Amino acid sequence: MQIEIRGAERLSFRERQVVVLKETGYSAQEIAERLGLSQSTVATLYSRAKTKGYQVVIVISGDPLNLFGGDEPGEE
């Protein structure tokens, strides 16, 4: 599984760092500790990034969730 952030070019370096960590499940406290920032700075960066607009796209190879029944096309 890969995560792609569309519109990342509109974000600053720090905003991108915060967005990637936030969208992969880190809490504001964990992000703050990891990046050496305060939680309020993390919140500000995340809020600013959201106003600039970006999209998170999850790219999943194959069918790991077995959504299509595991049958390959043409199998009976």
N, C-alpha and C. Protein backbone atom coordinates (compact mmCIF):
# COMPACT_ATOMS: atom_id res chain seq x y z
N MET A 1 0.85 -1.18 0.00
CA MET A 1 0.00 0.00 0.00
C MET A 1 0.89 1.24 0.00
N GLN A 2 0.53 2.20 -0.80
CA GLN A 2 1.24 3.47 -0.86
C GLN A 2 0.25 4.60 -0.66
N ILE A 3 0.75 5.69 -0.09
CA ILE A 3 -0.07 6.88 0.07
C ILE A 3 0.51 7.97 -0.82
N GLU A 4 -0.35 8.56 -1.63
CA GLU A 4 0.06 9.64 -2.52
C GLU A 4 -0.70 10.90 -2.08
N ILE A 5 0.02 12.00 -1.99
CA ILE A 5 -0.61 13.27 -1.65
C ILE A 5 -0.62 14.14 -2.89
N ARG A 6 -1.80 14.33 -3.44
CA ARG A 6 -1.95 15.18 -4.62
C ARG A 6 -2.11 16.62 -4.17
N GLY A 7 -1.40 17.51 -4.82
CA GLY A 7 -1.42 18.91 -4.44
C GLY A 7 -0.33 19.26 -3.45
N ALA A 8 0.58 18.31 -3.19
CA ALA A 8 1.64 18.53 -2.21
C ALA A 8 2.57 19.68 -2.61
N GLU A 9 2.62 19.97 -3.90
CA GLU A 9 3.50 21.06 -4.36
C GLU A 9 3.04 22.42 -3.84
N ARG A 10 1.80 22.51 -3.40
CA ARG A 10 1.30 23.78 -2.84
C ARG A 10 1.66 23.94 -1.36
N LEU A 11 2.16 22.86 -0.75
CA LEU A 11 2.45 22.88 0.68
C LEU A 11 3.92 23.17 0.94
N SER A 12 4.18 23.80 2.08
CA SER A 12 5.57 24.01 2.48
C SER A 12 6.15 22.67 2.93
N PHE A 13 7.46 22.62 3.10
CA PHE A 13 8.13 21.39 3.53
C PHE A 13 7.55 20.90 4.86
N ARG A 14 7.42 21.81 5.83
CA ARG A 14 6.89 21.44 7.16
C ARG A 14 5.44 21.00 7.07
N GLU A 15 4.64 21.67 6.25
CA GLU A 15 3.25 21.27 6.08
C GLU A 15 3.17 19.86 5.51
N ARG A 16 4.04 19.56 4.53
CA ARG A 16 4.07 18.21 3.96
C ARG A 16 4.43 17.16 5.00
N GLN A 17 5.42 17.48 5.83
CA GLN A 17 5.80 16.54 6.89
C GLN A 17 4.61 16.25 7.81
N VAL A 18 3.94 17.30 8.25
CA VAL A 18 2.82 17.15 9.17
C VAL A 18 1.68 16.39 8.50
N VAL A 19 1.37 16.71 7.26
CA VAL A 19 0.28 16.04 6.55
C VAL A 19 0.57 14.55 6.39
N VAL A 20 1.77 14.21 5.99
CA VAL A 20 2.12 12.79 5.80
C VAL A 20 1.96 12.03 7.11
N LEU A 21 2.49 12.59 8.19
CA LEU A 21 2.39 11.90 9.48
C LEU A 21 0.95 11.83 9.96
N LYS A 22 0.22 12.93 9.83
CA LYS A 22 -1.18 12.97 10.28
C LYS A 22 -2.03 11.97 9.49
N GLU A 23 -1.86 11.95 8.18
CA GLU A 23 -2.67 11.07 7.33
C GLU A 23 -2.28 9.60 7.45
N THR A 24 -1.13 9.31 8.04
CA THR A 24 -0.75 7.92 8.27
C THR A 24 -1.04 7.49 9.70
N GLY A 25 -1.75 8.35 10.45
CA GLY A 25 -2.27 7.93 11.74
C GLY A 25 -1.57 8.44 12.98
N TYR A 26 -0.58 9.29 12.83
CA TYR A 26 0.10 9.84 14.01
C TYR A 26 -0.77 10.92 14.65
N SER A 27 -0.72 11.00 15.96
CA SER A 27 -1.44 12.05 16.68
C SER A 27 -0.64 13.34 16.63
N ALA A 28 -1.29 14.45 16.98
CA ALA A 28 -0.59 15.73 17.01
C ALA A 28 0.58 15.69 18.00
N GLN A 29 0.37 15.03 19.13
CA GLN A 29 1.44 14.93 20.13
C GLN A 29 2.63 14.13 19.58
N GLU A 30 2.35 13.02 18.91
CA GLU A 30 3.42 12.20 18.33
C GLU A 30 4.18 12.96 17.25
N ILE A 31 3.44 13.71 16.43
CA ILE A 31 4.08 14.50 15.38
C ILE A 31 4.96 15.58 15.99
N ALA A 32 4.44 16.26 17.01
CA ALA A 32 5.20 17.32 17.69
C ALA A 32 6.51 16.77 18.25
N GLU A 33 6.43 15.63 18.91
CA GLU A 33 7.63 15.03 19.48
C GLU A 33 8.61 14.61 18.39
N ARG A 34 8.10 14.03 17.34
CA ARG A 34 8.95 13.53 16.25
C ARG A 34 9.66 14.67 15.51
N LEU A 35 8.95 15.78 15.31
CA LEU A 35 9.52 16.90 14.54
C LEU A 35 10.11 18.00 15.41
N GLY A 36 9.99 17.86 16.73
CA GLY A 36 10.53 18.88 17.63
C GLY A 36 9.74 20.18 17.59
N LEU A 37 8.42 20.07 17.46
CA LEU A 37 7.55 21.23 17.40
C LEU A 37 6.57 21.18 18.56
N SER A 38 5.87 22.28 18.80
CA SER A 38 4.80 22.25 19.79
C SER A 38 3.54 21.70 19.12
N GLN A 39 2.61 21.21 19.94
CA GLN A 39 1.36 20.69 19.39
C GLN A 39 0.56 21.79 18.69
N SER A 40 0.64 23.01 19.21
CA SER A 40 -0.09 24.10 18.56
C SER A 40 0.50 24.42 17.19
N THR A 41 1.81 24.30 17.03
CA THR A 41 2.43 24.52 15.73
C THR A 41 1.99 23.43 14.75
N VAL A 42 1.93 22.19 15.24
CA VAL A 42 1.46 21.09 14.39
C VAL A 42 0.02 21.37 13.94
N ALA A 43 -0.83 21.79 14.86
CA ALA A 43 -2.22 22.09 14.52
C ALA A 43 -2.31 23.22 13.50
N THR A 44 -1.48 24.25 13.67
CA THR A 44 -1.47 25.38 12.73
C THR A 44 -1.02 24.93 11.35
N LEU A 45 0.05 24.14 11.29
CA LEU A 45 0.56 23.66 10.00
C LEU A 45 -0.47 22.78 9.29
N TYR A 46 -1.13 21.92 10.05
CA TYR A 46 -2.13 21.03 9.45
C TYR A 46 -3.34 21.82 8.95
N SER A 47 -3.77 22.78 9.75
CA SER A 47 -4.90 23.63 9.35
C SER A 47 -4.56 24.43 8.10
N ARG A 48 -3.37 25.00 8.07
CA ARG A 48 -2.94 25.78 6.90
C ARG A 48 -2.87 24.90 5.66
N ALA A 49 -2.36 23.67 5.82
CA ALA A 49 -2.27 22.75 4.69
C ALA A 49 -3.66 22.41 4.15
N LYS A 50 -4.62 22.21 5.05
CA LYS A 50 -5.98 21.89 4.61
C LYS A 50 -6.59 23.02 3.80
N THR A 51 -6.29 24.27 4.18
CA THR A 51 -6.85 25.41 3.43
C THR A 51 -6.24 25.53 2.04
N LYS A 52 -5.02 25.01 1.87
CA LYS A 52 -4.37 25.06 0.56
C LYS A 52 -4.90 23.98 -0.37
N GLY A 53 -5.55 22.99 0.19
CA GLY A 53 -6.15 21.93 -0.60
C GLY A 53 -5.16 20.89 -1.05
N TYR A 54 -5.41 19.67 -0.66
CA TYR A 54 -4.64 18.52 -1.11
C TYR A 54 -5.55 17.31 -1.03
N GLN A 55 -5.18 16.25 -1.70
CA GLN A 55 -5.95 15.01 -1.65
C GLN A 55 -5.02 13.88 -1.28
N VAL A 56 -5.50 13.00 -0.42
CA VAL A 56 -4.75 11.80 -0.07
C VAL A 56 -5.34 10.65 -0.86
N VAL A 57 -4.48 9.97 -1.60
CA VAL A 57 -4.91 8.84 -2.42
C VAL A 57 -4.15 7.61 -1.93
N ILE A 58 -4.88 6.55 -1.62
CA ILE A 58 -4.26 5.30 -1.20
C ILE A 58 -4.19 4.39 -2.41
N VAL A 59 -2.99 3.92 -2.72
CA VAL A 59 -2.77 3.04 -3.87
C VAL A 59 -2.51 1.64 -3.32
N ILE A 60 -3.40 0.71 -3.66
CA ILE A 60 -3.28 -0.66 -3.18
C ILE A 60 -3.03 -1.56 -4.38
N SER A 61 -1.95 -2.33 -4.33
CA SER A 61 -1.63 -3.26 -5.41
C SER A 61 -2.46 -4.52 -5.27
N GLY A 62 -2.94 -5.03 -6.38
CA GLY A 62 -3.70 -6.28 -6.38
C GLY A 62 -5.04 -6.14 -5.68
N ASP A 63 -5.43 -7.18 -4.96
CA ASP A 63 -6.72 -7.22 -4.28
C ASP A 63 -6.53 -7.77 -2.86
N PRO A 64 -5.78 -7.08 -2.01
CA PRO A 64 -5.49 -7.61 -0.67
C PRO A 64 -6.73 -7.73 0.21
N LEU A 65 -7.78 -7.01 -0.11
CA LEU A 65 -9.00 -7.09 0.69
C LEU A 65 -9.99 -8.11 0.13
N ASN A 66 -9.57 -8.78 -0.94
CA ASN A 66 -10.40 -9.79 -1.59
C ASN A 66 -11.77 -9.23 -1.98
N LEU A 67 -11.77 -8.02 -2.51
CA LEU A 67 -13.02 -7.38 -2.92
C LEU A 67 -13.65 -8.02 -4.15
N PHE A 68 -12.82 -8.67 -4.94
CA PHE A 68 -13.31 -9.25 -6.18
C PHE A 68 -13.36 -10.77 -6.12
N GLY A 69 -13.40 -11.31 -4.92
CA GLY A 69 -13.59 -12.74 -4.75
C GLY A 69 -12.37 -13.60 -5.01
N GLY A 70 -11.25 -13.01 -5.31
CA GLY A 70 -10.03 -13.77 -5.51
C GLY A 70 -9.94 -14.50 -6.82
N ASP A 71 -10.96 -14.44 -7.66
CA ASP A 71 -10.94 -15.10 -8.95
C ASP A 71 -10.28 -14.20 -9.98
N GLU A 72 -9.41 -14.79 -10.74
CA GLU A 72 -8.81 -14.06 -11.85
C GLU A 72 -9.80 -14.04 -13.01
N PRO A 73 -9.75 -13.01 -13.86
CA PRO A 73 -10.66 -12.97 -15.01
C PRO A 73 -10.50 -14.23 -15.86
N GLY A 74 -11.61 -14.79 -16.27
CA GLY A 74 -11.57 -15.97 -17.13
C GLY A 74 -11.61 -17.28 -16.35
N GLU A 75 -11.45 -17.26 -15.04
CA GLU A 75 -11.52 -18.50 -14.26
C GLU A 75 -12.97 -18.86 -13.99
N GLU A 76 -13.26 -20.11 -13.91
CA GLU A 76 -14.62 -20.57 -13.65
C GLU A 76 -14.66 -21.28 -12.32
